[in-house]
PDB file of N, CA and C in Angstrom:
ATOM      1  N   UNK A   1     130.607 132.429  98.134  1.00  0.00           N
ATOM      2  CA  UNK A   1     130.004 133.746  98.064  1.00  0.00           C
ATOM      3  C   UNK A   1     130.713 134.686  98.960  1.00  0.00           C
ATOM      4  N   UNK A   2     131.157 135.829  98.500  1.00  0.00           N
ATOM      5  CA  UNK A   2     131.817 136.751  99.373  1.00  0.00           C
ATOM      6  C   UNK A   2     130.794 137.735  99.947  1.00  0.00           C
ATOM      7  N   UNK A   3     131.230 138.487 100.898  1.00  0.00           N
ATOM      8  CA  UNK A   3     130.344 139.411 101.619  1.00  0.00           C
ATOM      9  C   UNK A   3     129.644 140.432 100.768  1.00  0.00           C
ATOM     10  N   UNK A   4     130.361 140.792  99.619  1.00  0.00           N
ATOM     11  CA  UNK A   4     129.750 141.790  98.753  1.00  0.00           C
ATOM     12  C   UNK A   4     128.934 141.193  97.617  1.00  0.00           C
ATOM     13  N   UNK A   5     128.714 139.878  97.667  1.00  0.00           N
ATOM     14  CA  UNK A   5     127.837 139.208  96.658  1.00  0.00           C
ATOM     15  C   UNK A   5     126.568 138.795  97.405  1.00  0.00           C
ATOM     16  N   UNK A   6     125.492 139.240  96.837  1.00  0.00           N
ATOM     17  CA  UNK A   6     124.171 138.914  97.462  1.00  0.00           C
ATOM     18  C   UNK A   6     123.511 137.822  96.662  1.00  0.00           C
ATOM     19  N   UNK A   7     123.025 136.830  97.395  1.00  0.00           N
ATOM     20  CA  UNK A   7     122.295 135.727  96.804  1.00  0.00           C
ATOM     21  C   UNK A   7     120.943 136.322  96.215  1.00  0.00           C
ATOM     22  N   UNK A   8     120.784 136.096  94.915  1.00  0.00           N
ATOM     23  CA  UNK A   8     119.652 136.714  94.226  1.00  0.00           C
ATOM     24  C   UNK A   8     118.334 136.173  94.564  1.00  0.00           C
ATOM     25  N   UNK A   9     118.306 134.918  95.081  1.00  0.00           N
ATOM     26  CA  UNK A   9     117.002 134.296  95.445  1.00  0.00           C
ATOM     27  C   UNK A   9     116.550 134.642  96.821  1.00  0.00           C
ATOM     28  N   UNK A  10     117.465 134.928  97.740  1.00  0.00           N
ATOM     29  CA  UNK A  10     117.151 135.188  99.106  1.00  0.00           C
ATOM     30  C   UNK A  10     117.382 136.657  99.581  1.00  0.00           C
ATOM     31  N   UNK A  11     118.319 137.319  98.862  1.00  0.00           N
ATOM     32  CA  UNK A  11     118.734 138.639  99.254  1.00  0.00           C
ATOM     33  C   UNK A  11     119.746 138.645 100.336  1.00  0.00           C
ATOM     34  N   UNK A  12     120.260 137.467 100.771  1.00  0.00           N
ATOM     35  CA  UNK A  12     121.223 137.380 101.858  1.00  0.00           C
ATOM     36  C   UNK A  12     122.623 137.606 101.311  1.00  0.00           C
ATOM     37  N   UNK A  13     123.491 138.017 102.212  1.00  0.00           N
ATOM     38  CA  UNK A  13     124.887 138.305 101.895  1.00  0.00           C
ATOM     39  C   UNK A  13     125.831 137.206 102.203  1.00  0.00           C
ATOM     40  N   UNK A  14     125.375 136.133 102.814  1.00  0.00           N
ATOM     41  CA  UNK A  14     126.239 134.990 103.085  1.00  0.00           C
ATOM     42  C   UNK A  14     125.467 133.680 102.950  1.00  0.00           C
ATOM     43  N   UNK A  15     126.232 132.564 102.681  1.00  0.00           N
ATOM     44  CA  UNK A  15     125.547 131.267 102.423  1.00  0.00           C
ATOM     45  C   UNK A  15     124.745 130.819 103.644  1.00  0.00           C
ATOM     46  N   UNK A  16     125.218 131.006 104.919  1.00  0.00           N
ATOM     47  CA  UNK A  16     124.485 130.499 106.073  1.00  0.00           C
ATOM     48  C   UNK A  16     123.143 131.265 106.168  1.00  0.00           C
ATOM     49  N   UNK A  17     123.166 132.544 105.986  1.00  0.00           N
ATOM     50  CA  UNK A  17     121.954 133.285 106.012  1.00  0.00           C
ATOM     51  C   UNK A  17     120.964 132.906 104.937  1.00  0.00           C
ATOM     52  N   UNK A  18     121.506 132.675 103.737  1.00  0.00           N
ATOM     53  CA  UNK A  18     120.696 132.221 102.649  1.00  0.00           C
ATOM     54  C   UNK A  18     120.038 130.917 102.924  1.00  0.00           C
ATOM     55  N   UNK A  19     120.731 129.961 103.541  1.00  0.00           N
ATOM     56  CA  UNK A  19     120.195 128.688 103.892  1.00  0.00           C
ATOM     57  C   UNK A  19     119.089 128.848 104.949  1.00  0.00           C
ATOM     58  N   UNK A  20     119.311 129.711 105.948  1.00  0.00           N
ATOM     59  CA  UNK A  20     118.314 129.970 106.963  1.00  0.00           C
ATOM     60  C   UNK A  20     117.035 130.590 106.337  1.00  0.00           C
ATOM     61  N   UNK A  21     117.256 131.504 105.432  1.00  0.00           N
ATOM     62  CA  UNK A  21     116.109 132.128 104.776  1.00  0.00           C
ATOM     63  C   UNK A  21     115.300 131.134 103.988  1.00  0.00           C
ATOM     64  N   UNK A  22     116.021 130.274 103.270  1.00  0.00           N
ATOM     65  CA  UNK A  22     115.325 129.190 102.484  1.00  0.00           C
ATOM     66  C   UNK A  22     114.476 128.296 103.333  1.00  0.00           C
ATOM     67  N   UNK A  23     115.063 127.951 104.487  1.00  0.00           N
ATOM     68  CA  UNK A  23     114.313 127.022 105.431  1.00  0.00           C
ATOM     69  C   UNK A  23     113.045 127.750 105.988  1.00  0.00           C
ATOM     70  N   UNK A  24     113.236 129.003 106.349  1.00  0.00           N
ATOM     71  CA  UNK A  24     112.060 129.776 106.888  1.00  0.00           C
ATOM     72  C   UNK A  24     110.981 129.954 105.810  1.00  0.00           C
ATOM     73  N   UNK A  25     111.466 130.170 104.583  1.00  0.00           N
ATOM     74  CA  UNK A  25     110.513 130.345 103.476  1.00  0.00           C
ATOM     75  C   UNK A  25     109.728 129.021 103.206  1.00  0.00           C
ATOM     76  N   UNK A  26     110.447 127.882 103.341  1.00  0.00           N
ATOM     77  CA  UNK A  26     109.758 126.637 103.194  1.00  0.00           C
ATOM     78  C   UNK A  26     108.626 126.452 104.199  1.00  0.00           C
ATOM     79  N   UNK A  27     108.929 126.862 105.444  1.00  0.00           N
ATOM     80  CA  UNK A  27     107.860 126.757 106.468  1.00  0.00           C
ATOM     81  C   UNK A  27     106.723 127.753 106.165  1.00  0.00           C
ATOM     82  N   UNK A  28     107.087 128.954 105.710  1.00  0.00           N
ATOM     83  CA  UNK A  28     106.106 129.959 105.368  1.00  0.00           C
ATOM     84  C   UNK A  28     105.158 129.433 104.288  1.00  0.00           C
ATOM     85  N   UNK A  29     105.752 128.762 103.275  1.00  0.00           N
ATOM     86  CA  UNK A  29     105.000 128.167 102.207  1.00  0.00           C
ATOM     87  C   UNK A  29     103.985 127.087 102.708  1.00  0.00           C
ATOM     88  N   UNK A  30     104.462 126.268 103.695  1.00  0.00           N
ATOM     89  CA  UNK A  30     103.600 125.330 104.320  1.00  0.00           C
ATOM     90  C   UNK A  30     102.468 125.932 105.059  1.00  0.00           C
ATOM     91  N   UNK A  31     102.743 127.026 105.764  1.00  0.00           N
ATOM     92  CA  UNK A  31     101.662 127.746 106.509  1.00  0.00           C
ATOM     93  C   UNK A  31     100.731 128.340 105.492  1.00  0.00           C
ATOM     94  N   UNK A  32     101.223 128.949 104.487  1.00  0.00           N
ATOM     95  CA  UNK A  32     100.383 129.530 103.406  1.00  0.00           C
ATOM     96  C   UNK A  32      99.413 128.516 102.848  1.00  0.00           C
ATOM     97  N   UNK A  33      99.884 127.289 102.602  1.00  0.00           N
ATOM     98  CA  UNK A  33      99.060 126.230 102.040  1.00  0.00           C
ATOM     99  C   UNK A  33      97.996 125.846 103.084  1.00  0.00           C
ATOM    100  N   UNK A  34      98.357 125.770 104.321  1.00  0.00           N
ATOM    101  CA  UNK A  34      97.392 125.397 105.396  1.00  0.00           C
ATOM    102  C   UNK A  34      96.300 126.500 105.475  1.00  0.00           C
ATOM    103  N   UNK A  35      96.669 127.772 105.376  1.00  0.00           N
ATOM    104  CA  UNK A  35      95.729 128.840 105.362  1.00  0.00           C
ATOM    105  C   UNK A  35      94.736 128.757 104.191  1.00  0.00           C
ATOM    106  N   UNK A  36      95.321 128.482 103.022  1.00  0.00           N
ATOM    107  CA  UNK A  36      94.491 128.321 101.829  1.00  0.00           C
ATOM    108  C   UNK A  36      93.514 127.181 101.992  1.00  0.00           C
ATOM    109  N   UNK A  37      94.009 126.036 102.467  1.00  0.00           N
ATOM    110  CA  UNK A  37      93.110 124.843 102.671  1.00  0.00           C
ATOM    111  C   UNK A  37      92.013 125.125 103.682  1.00  0.00           C
ATOM    112  N   UNK A  38      92.381 125.788 104.774  1.00  0.00           N
ATOM    113  CA  UNK A  38      91.414 126.124 105.811  1.00  0.00           C
ATOM    114  C   UNK A  38      90.394 127.164 105.308  1.00  0.00           C
ATOM    115  N   UNK A  39      90.848 128.140 104.508  1.00  0.00           N
ATOM    116  CA  UNK A  39      90.003 129.132 103.953  1.00  0.00           C
ATOM    117  C   UNK A  39      88.955 128.471 103.064  1.00  0.00           C
ATOM    118  N   UNK A  40      89.392 127.573 102.208  1.00  0.00           N
ATOM    119  CA  UNK A  40      88.455 126.923 101.285  1.00  0.00           C
ATOM    120  C   UNK A  40      87.453 125.984 102.063  1.00  0.00           C
ATOM    121  N   UNK A  41      87.960 125.356 103.106  1.00  0.00           N
ATOM    122  CA  UNK A  41      87.038 124.504 103.893  1.00  0.00           C
ATOM    123  C   UNK A  41      86.027 125.361 104.650  1.00  0.00           C
ATOM    124  N   UNK A  42      86.453 126.433 105.214  1.00  0.00           N
ATOM    125  CA  UNK A  42      85.572 127.361 105.925  1.00  0.00           C
ATOM    126  C   UNK A  42      84.524 127.918 105.031  1.00  0.00           C
ATOM    127  N   UNK A  43      84.938 128.389 103.825  1.00  0.00           N
ATOM    128  CA  UNK A  43      83.953 128.916 102.877  1.00  0.00           C
ATOM    129  C   UNK A  43      82.890 127.898 102.483  1.00  0.00           C
ATOM    130  N   UNK A  44      83.391 126.703 102.288  1.00  0.00           N
ATOM    131  CA  UNK A  44      82.371 125.640 101.922  1.00  0.00           C
ATOM    132  C   UNK A  44      81.386 125.357 103.057  1.00  0.00           C
ATOM    133  N   UNK A  45      81.908 125.262 104.254  1.00  0.00           N
ATOM    134  CA  UNK A  45      81.022 125.047 105.408  1.00  0.00           C
ATOM    135  C   UNK A  45      80.028 126.215 105.606  1.00  0.00           C
ATOM    136  N   UNK A  46      80.561 127.379 105.456  1.00  0.00           N
ATOM    137  CA  UNK A  46      79.692 128.597 105.634  1.00  0.00           C
ATOM    138  C   UNK A  46      78.557 128.565 104.524  1.00  0.00           C
ATOM    139  N   UNK A  47      78.892 128.201 103.330  1.00  0.00           N
ATOM    140  CA  UNK A  47      77.907 128.126 102.264  1.00  0.00           C
ATOM    141  C   UNK A  47      76.821 127.095 102.540  1.00  0.00           C
ATOM    142  N   UNK A  48      77.291 125.965 103.117  1.00  0.00           N
ATOM    143  CA  UNK A  48      76.338 124.904 103.546  1.00  0.00           C
ATOM    144  C   UNK A  48      75.402 125.382 104.646  1.00  0.00           C
ATOM    145  N   UNK A  49      75.956 126.082 105.623  1.00  0.00           N
ATOM    146  CA  UNK A  49      75.142 126.646 106.675  1.00  0.00           C
ATOM    147  C   UNK A  49      74.114 127.575 106.093  1.00  0.00           C
ATOM    148  N   UNK A  50      74.522 128.470 105.211  1.00  0.00           N
ATOM    149  CA  UNK A  50      73.555 129.417 104.613  1.00  0.00           C
ATOM    150  C   UNK A  50      72.440 128.720 103.799  1.00  0.00           C
ATOM    151  N   UNK A  51      72.838 127.703 103.010  1.00  0.00           N
ATOM    152  CA  UNK A  51      71.822 126.947 102.260  1.00  0.00           C
ATOM    153  C   UNK A  51      70.827 126.289 103.180  1.00  0.00           C
ATOM    154  N   UNK A  52      71.359 125.654 104.211  1.00  0.00           N
ATOM    155  CA  UNK A  52      70.477 124.973 105.205  1.00  0.00           C
ATOM    156  C   UNK A  52      69.558 125.971 105.879  1.00  0.00           C
ATOM    157  N   UNK A  53      70.098 127.119 106.248  1.00  0.00           N
ATOM    158  CA  UNK A  53      69.270 128.113 106.959  1.00  0.00           C
ATOM    159  C   UNK A  53      68.173 128.623 106.006  1.00  0.00           C
ATOM    160  N   UNK A  54      68.499 128.966 104.784  1.00  0.00           N
ATOM    161  CA  UNK A  54      67.553 129.472 103.835  1.00  0.00           C
ATOM    162  C   UNK A  54      66.509 128.407 103.507  1.00  0.00           C
ATOM    163  N   UNK A  55      66.938 127.129 103.303  1.00  0.00           N
ATOM    164  CA  UNK A  55      66.016 126.045 103.011  1.00  0.00           C
ATOM    165  C   UNK A  55      65.017 125.823 104.084  1.00  0.00           C
ATOM    166  N   UNK A  56      65.366 126.169 105.313  1.00  0.00           N
ATOM    167  CA  UNK A  56      64.479 125.947 106.434  1.00  0.00           C
ATOM    168  C   UNK A  56      63.536 127.179 106.632  1.00  0.00           C
ATOM    169  N   UNK A  57      63.648 128.134 105.711  1.00  0.00           N
ATOM    170  CA  UNK A  57      62.838 129.352 105.843  1.00  0.00           C
ATOM    171  C   UNK A  57      63.508 130.476 106.640  1.00  0.00           C
ATOM    172  N   UNK A  58      64.764 130.319 106.968  1.00  0.00           N
ATOM    173  CA  UNK A  58      65.509 131.337 107.710  1.00  0.00           C
ATOM    174  C   UNK A  58      66.021 132.390 106.814  1.00  0.00           C
ATOM    175  N   UNK A  59      66.761 133.286 107.429  1.00  0.00           N
ATOM    176  CA  UNK A  59      67.326 134.455 106.711  1.00  0.00           C
ATOM    177  C   UNK A  59      68.603 134.094 105.958  1.00  0.00           C
ATOM    178  N   UNK A  60      68.975 134.882 105.021  1.00  0.00           N
ATOM    179  CA  UNK A  60      70.181 134.674 104.256  1.00  0.00           C
ATOM    180  C   UNK A  60      71.414 134.867 105.172  1.00  0.00           C
ATOM    181  N   UNK A  61      71.326 135.907 105.999  1.00  0.00           N
ATOM    182  CA  UNK A  61      72.467 136.278 106.903  1.00  0.00           C
ATOM    183  C   UNK A  61      71.981 136.374 108.338  1.00  0.00           C
ATOM    184  N   UNK A  62      72.904 136.116 109.212  1.00  0.00           N
ATOM    185  CA  UNK A  62      72.669 136.376 110.670  1.00  0.00           C
ATOM    186  C   UNK A  62      73.678 137.424 111.061  1.00  0.00           C
ATOM    187  N   UNK A  63      73.272 138.680 111.041  1.00  0.00           N
ATOM    188  CA  UNK A  63      74.236 139.809 111.296  1.00  0.00           C
ATOM    189  C   UNK A  63      74.891 139.722 112.644  1.00  0.00           C
ATOM    190  N   UNK A  64      74.191 139.215 113.656  1.00  0.00           N
ATOM    191  CA  UNK A  64      74.823 139.097 115.004  1.00  0.00           C
ATOM    192  C   UNK A  64      76.022 138.092 114.925  1.00  0.00           C
ATOM    193  N   UNK A  65      75.834 137.066 114.198  1.00  0.00           N
ATOM    194  CA  UNK A  65      76.922 136.067 114.040  1.00  0.00           C
ATOM    195  C   UNK A  65      78.131 136.734 113.288  1.00  0.00           C
ATOM    196  N   UNK A  66      77.812 137.493 112.265  1.00  0.00           N
ATOM    197  CA  UNK A  66      78.920 138.157 111.488  1.00  0.00           C
ATOM    198  C   UNK A  66      79.625 139.129 112.397  1.00  0.00           C
ATOM    199  N   UNK A  67      78.902 139.885 113.206  1.00  0.00           N
ATOM    200  CA  UNK A  67      79.514 140.840 114.088  1.00  0.00           C
ATOM    201  C   UNK A  67      80.422 140.128 115.107  1.00  0.00           C
ATOM    202  N   UNK A  68      79.979 138.994 115.602  1.00  0.00           N
ATOM    203  CA  UNK A  68      80.768 138.162 116.523  1.00  0.00           C
ATOM    204  C   UNK A  68      82.064 137.731 115.921  1.00  0.00           C
ATOM    205  N   UNK A  69      82.023 137.307 114.657  1.00  0.00           N
ATOM    206  CA  UNK A  69      83.249 136.863 113.972  1.00  0.00           C
ATOM    207  C   UNK A  69      84.155 138.059 113.761  1.00  0.00           C
ATOM    208  N   UNK A  70      83.678 139.186 113.310  1.00  0.00           N
ATOM    209  CA  UNK A  70      84.512 140.366 113.060  1.00  0.00           C
ATOM    210  C   UNK A  70      85.170 140.752 114.346  1.00  0.00           C
ATOM    211  N   UNK A  71      84.413 140.798 115.463  1.00  0.00           N
ATOM    212  CA  UNK A  71      84.968 141.180 116.772  1.00  0.00           C
ATOM    213  C   UNK A  71      86.047 140.274 117.191  1.00  0.00           C
ATOM    214  N   UNK A  72      85.883 138.914 117.013  1.00  0.00           N
ATOM    215  CA  UNK A  72      86.863 137.957 117.410  1.00  0.00           C
ATOM    216  C   UNK A  72      88.192 138.199 116.675  1.00  0.00           C
ATOM    217  N   UNK A  73      88.168 138.463 115.345  1.00  0.00           N
ATOM    218  CA  UNK A  73      89.328 138.697 114.554  1.00  0.00           C
ATOM    219  C   UNK A  73      89.939 140.020 114.993  1.00  0.00           C
ATOM    220  N   UNK A  74      89.105 141.054 115.194  1.00  0.00           N
ATOM    221  CA  UNK A  74      89.655 142.386 115.561  1.00  0.00           C
ATOM    222  C   UNK A  74      90.371 142.271 116.895  1.00  0.00           C
ATOM    223  N   UNK A  75      89.810 141.566 117.864  1.00  0.00           N
ATOM    224  CA  UNK A  75      90.471 141.447 119.189  1.00  0.00           C
ATOM    225  C   UNK A  75      91.756 140.670 119.076  1.00  0.00           C
ATOM    226  N   UNK A  76      91.817 139.666 118.232  1.00  0.00           N
ATOM    227  CA  UNK A  76      93.022 138.863 118.062  1.00  0.00           C
ATOM    228  C   UNK A  76      94.121 139.551 117.269  1.00  0.00           C
ATOM    229  N   UNK A  77      93.693 140.259 116.186  1.00  0.00           N
ATOM    230  CA  UNK A  77      94.675 140.776 115.239  1.00  0.00           C
ATOM    231  C   UNK A  77      94.712 142.269 115.037  1.00  0.00           C
ATOM    232  N   UNK A  78      93.870 142.991 115.810  1.00  0.00           N
ATOM    233  CA  UNK A  78      93.867 144.432 115.692  1.00  0.00           C
ATOM    234  C   UNK A  78      93.057 144.836 114.434  1.00  0.00           C
ATOM    235  N   UNK A  79      93.324 146.079 113.985  1.00  0.00           N
ATOM    236  CA  UNK A  79      92.531 146.602 112.824  1.00  0.00           C
ATOM    237  C   UNK A  79      92.556 145.734 111.553  1.00  0.00           C
ATOM    238  N   UNK A  80      93.666 145.105 111.326  1.00  0.00           N
ATOM    239  CA  UNK A  80      93.762 144.191 110.141  1.00  0.00           C
ATOM    240  C   UNK A  80      92.857 143.010 110.280  1.00  0.00           C
ATOM    241  N   UNK A  81      92.607 142.639 111.530  1.00  0.00           N
ATOM    242  CA  UNK A  81      91.709 141.474 111.785  1.00  0.00           C
ATOM    243  C   UNK A  81      90.338 141.743 111.241  1.00  0.00           C
ATOM    244  N   UNK A  82      89.874 143.009 111.409  1.00  0.00           N
ATOM    245  CA  UNK A  82      88.585 143.389 110.867  1.00  0.00           C
ATOM    246  C   UNK A  82      88.519 143.121 109.324  1.00  0.00           C
ATOM    247  N   UNK A  83      89.519 143.547 108.629  1.00  0.00           N
ATOM    248  CA  UNK A  83      89.534 143.373 107.164  1.00  0.00           C
ATOM    249  C   UNK A  83      89.601 141.903 106.825  1.00  0.00           C
ATOM    250  N   UNK A  84      90.426 141.108 107.533  1.00  0.00           N
ATOM    251  CA  UNK A  84      90.556 139.709 107.312  1.00  0.00           C
ATOM    252  C   UNK A  84      89.176 139.068 107.505  1.00  0.00           C
ATOM    253  N   UNK A  85      88.508 139.393 108.661  1.00  0.00           N
ATOM    254  CA  UNK A  85      87.197 138.746 108.906  1.00  0.00           C
ATOM    255  C   UNK A  85      86.201 139.071 107.807  1.00  0.00           C
ATOM    256  N   UNK A  86      86.199 140.279 107.305  1.00  0.00           N
ATOM    257  CA  UNK A  86      85.270 140.735 106.275  1.00  0.00           C
ATOM    258  C   UNK A  86      85.558 139.881 105.004  1.00  0.00           C
ATOM    259  N   UNK A  87      86.799 139.655 104.687  1.00  0.00           N
ATOM    260  CA  UNK A  87      87.091 138.892 103.501  1.00  0.00           C
ATOM    261  C   UNK A  87      86.676 137.414 103.681  1.00  0.00           C
ATOM    262  N   UNK A  88      86.893 136.845 104.859  1.00  0.00           N
ATOM    263  CA  UNK A  88      86.495 135.513 105.194  1.00  0.00           C
ATOM    264  C   UNK A  88      84.967 135.359 105.078  1.00  0.00           C
ATOM    265  N   UNK A  89      84.256 136.350 105.618  1.00  0.00           N
ATOM    266  CA  UNK A  89      82.811 136.301 105.551  1.00  0.00           C
ATOM    267  C   UNK A  89      82.339 136.369 104.128  1.00  0.00           C
ATOM    268  N   UNK A  90      82.926 137.241 103.338  1.00  0.00           N
ATOM    269  CA  UNK A  90      82.465 137.348 101.990  1.00  0.00           C
ATOM    270  C   UNK A  90      82.787 136.080 101.171  1.00  0.00           C
ATOM    271  N   UNK A  91      83.870 135.398 101.491  1.00  0.00           N
ATOM    272  CA  UNK A  91      84.185 134.150 100.813  1.00  0.00           C
ATOM    273  C   UNK A  91      83.117 133.067 101.091  1.00  0.00           C
ATOM    274  N   UNK A  92      82.563 133.128 102.304  1.00  0.00           N
ATOM    275  CA  UNK A  92      81.581 132.131 102.667  1.00  0.00           C
ATOM    276  C   UNK A  92      80.134 132.431 102.223  1.00  0.00           C
ATOM    277  N   UNK A  93      79.856 133.702 102.027  1.00  0.00           N
ATOM    278  CA  UNK A  93      78.466 134.043 101.708  1.00  0.00           C
ATOM    279  C   UNK A  93      78.324 134.758 100.356  1.00  0.00           C
ATOM    280  N   UNK A  94      79.435 135.184  99.730  1.00  0.00           N
ATOM    281  CA  UNK A  94      79.366 135.958  98.562  1.00  0.00           C
ATOM    282  C   UNK A  94      79.128 137.475  98.861  1.00  0.00           C
ATOM    283  N   UNK A  95      79.237 138.272  97.838  1.00  0.00           N
ATOM    284  CA  UNK A  95      79.019 139.687  98.112  1.00  0.00           C
ATOM    285  C   UNK A  95      77.587 140.018  98.459  1.00  0.00           C
ATOM    286  N   UNK A  96      77.371 141.055  99.219  1.00  0.00           N
ATOM    287  CA  UNK A  96      76.025 141.480  99.600  1.00  0.00           C
ATOM    288  C   UNK A  96      75.364 142.215  98.488  1.00  0.00           C
TER     289      UNK A  96
END
């Protein structure tokens, strides 16, 4: 591959960079799968907590707990953390 030929799968202009990109993408894919697996596990656990709470005569939601989670994500990730936390919470309890 010459300098003026770009690898179509990686966008890199040389073979060494293309190999480096492929390796990093492989790790990104592994991380993405771990996030997906953890997301699904968390949603399932959260649904179990909600069912147990409601079966015991408790409330559907505990807003103080939700605020705590949103704040933790916001502190760690900034404004995007708030949006991520809200999506995670919705996955565990469903839409309000």
